[in-house]
Amino acid sequence: MDAVFFDMDGLLVDSERVWLEIETEVMARLGAAWTPEHQAHLVGGSMERTVGYMLAVSGADVSPQTVASWMSEGMVRRLTQGVRVMPGAGELLDALRAEGVPVGLVTSSLKEIADAVLKGVGRDRFDVVVTADDVTRTKPDPEPYLTAARLLGAEPVRCVVLEDSPNGVAAATAAGCAVVAVPSLLPVEAAPGRLVVSCLREVAVADLRALLP
């Protein structure tokens, strides 16, 4: 196993509820309502996609750059107050590091949002961090995971990705990685080279190795 890559929002940390809170606040500024059903359309997507969707739903005459800044500022403000690591994620991360397996964080969030999370989780627990600022195409495109593998000198087919969204799973699969999916807001079906669990407490390092060809 060359490396293991963790998604961030909803997989490593319980931040999807924070996204819902900030999206609701921003939509109120745009004069429209926001629901969990709206949020489900955007799980695992980029800031650009989120902002475009919010402007389309609200019909507000506000620039995408302004809405993106509202979103980023709100997320950083909330995340710096503290963030909860998802059950089993910290233990699995520590177990991988104890065995000397390189570990990366790969997220569609912007760098400033990832930095706010890593202040609480620990930047030194990851060998590489890839954010939306580091790629030209975010998930479901495979570029984020291919970039992380390249930075570590790893073969994608010898890597395992931990994800919670269909977009993230699609990106990892397209990159050639094995996948452990812990579905949050949207379902993920089992498939060859993919393990679907309800919690990372159900997963050990040996289970990740067993997914590789």
Foldseek 3Di string as FASTA:
>chain_A
DQAEEEEDDPTFWPCLVLLQVLLQVLLVVLVDGDDVVLSLVAPQHALLVNLVSSCVVSVGPDDSVVSSVSSLVSLLVVLLVDIGTFPQNLVQLVQCVVVVHAYEYFYAYDPSNVVSNCVHVPPVSHPYYHYVVNDPDGFVALVRVVVVCVVSVHQLLQYEYEEADPRVVNNSVVSNHQYEYQHDSDDDDDDQSYHYDPGNVVDHPVNRNVSHD
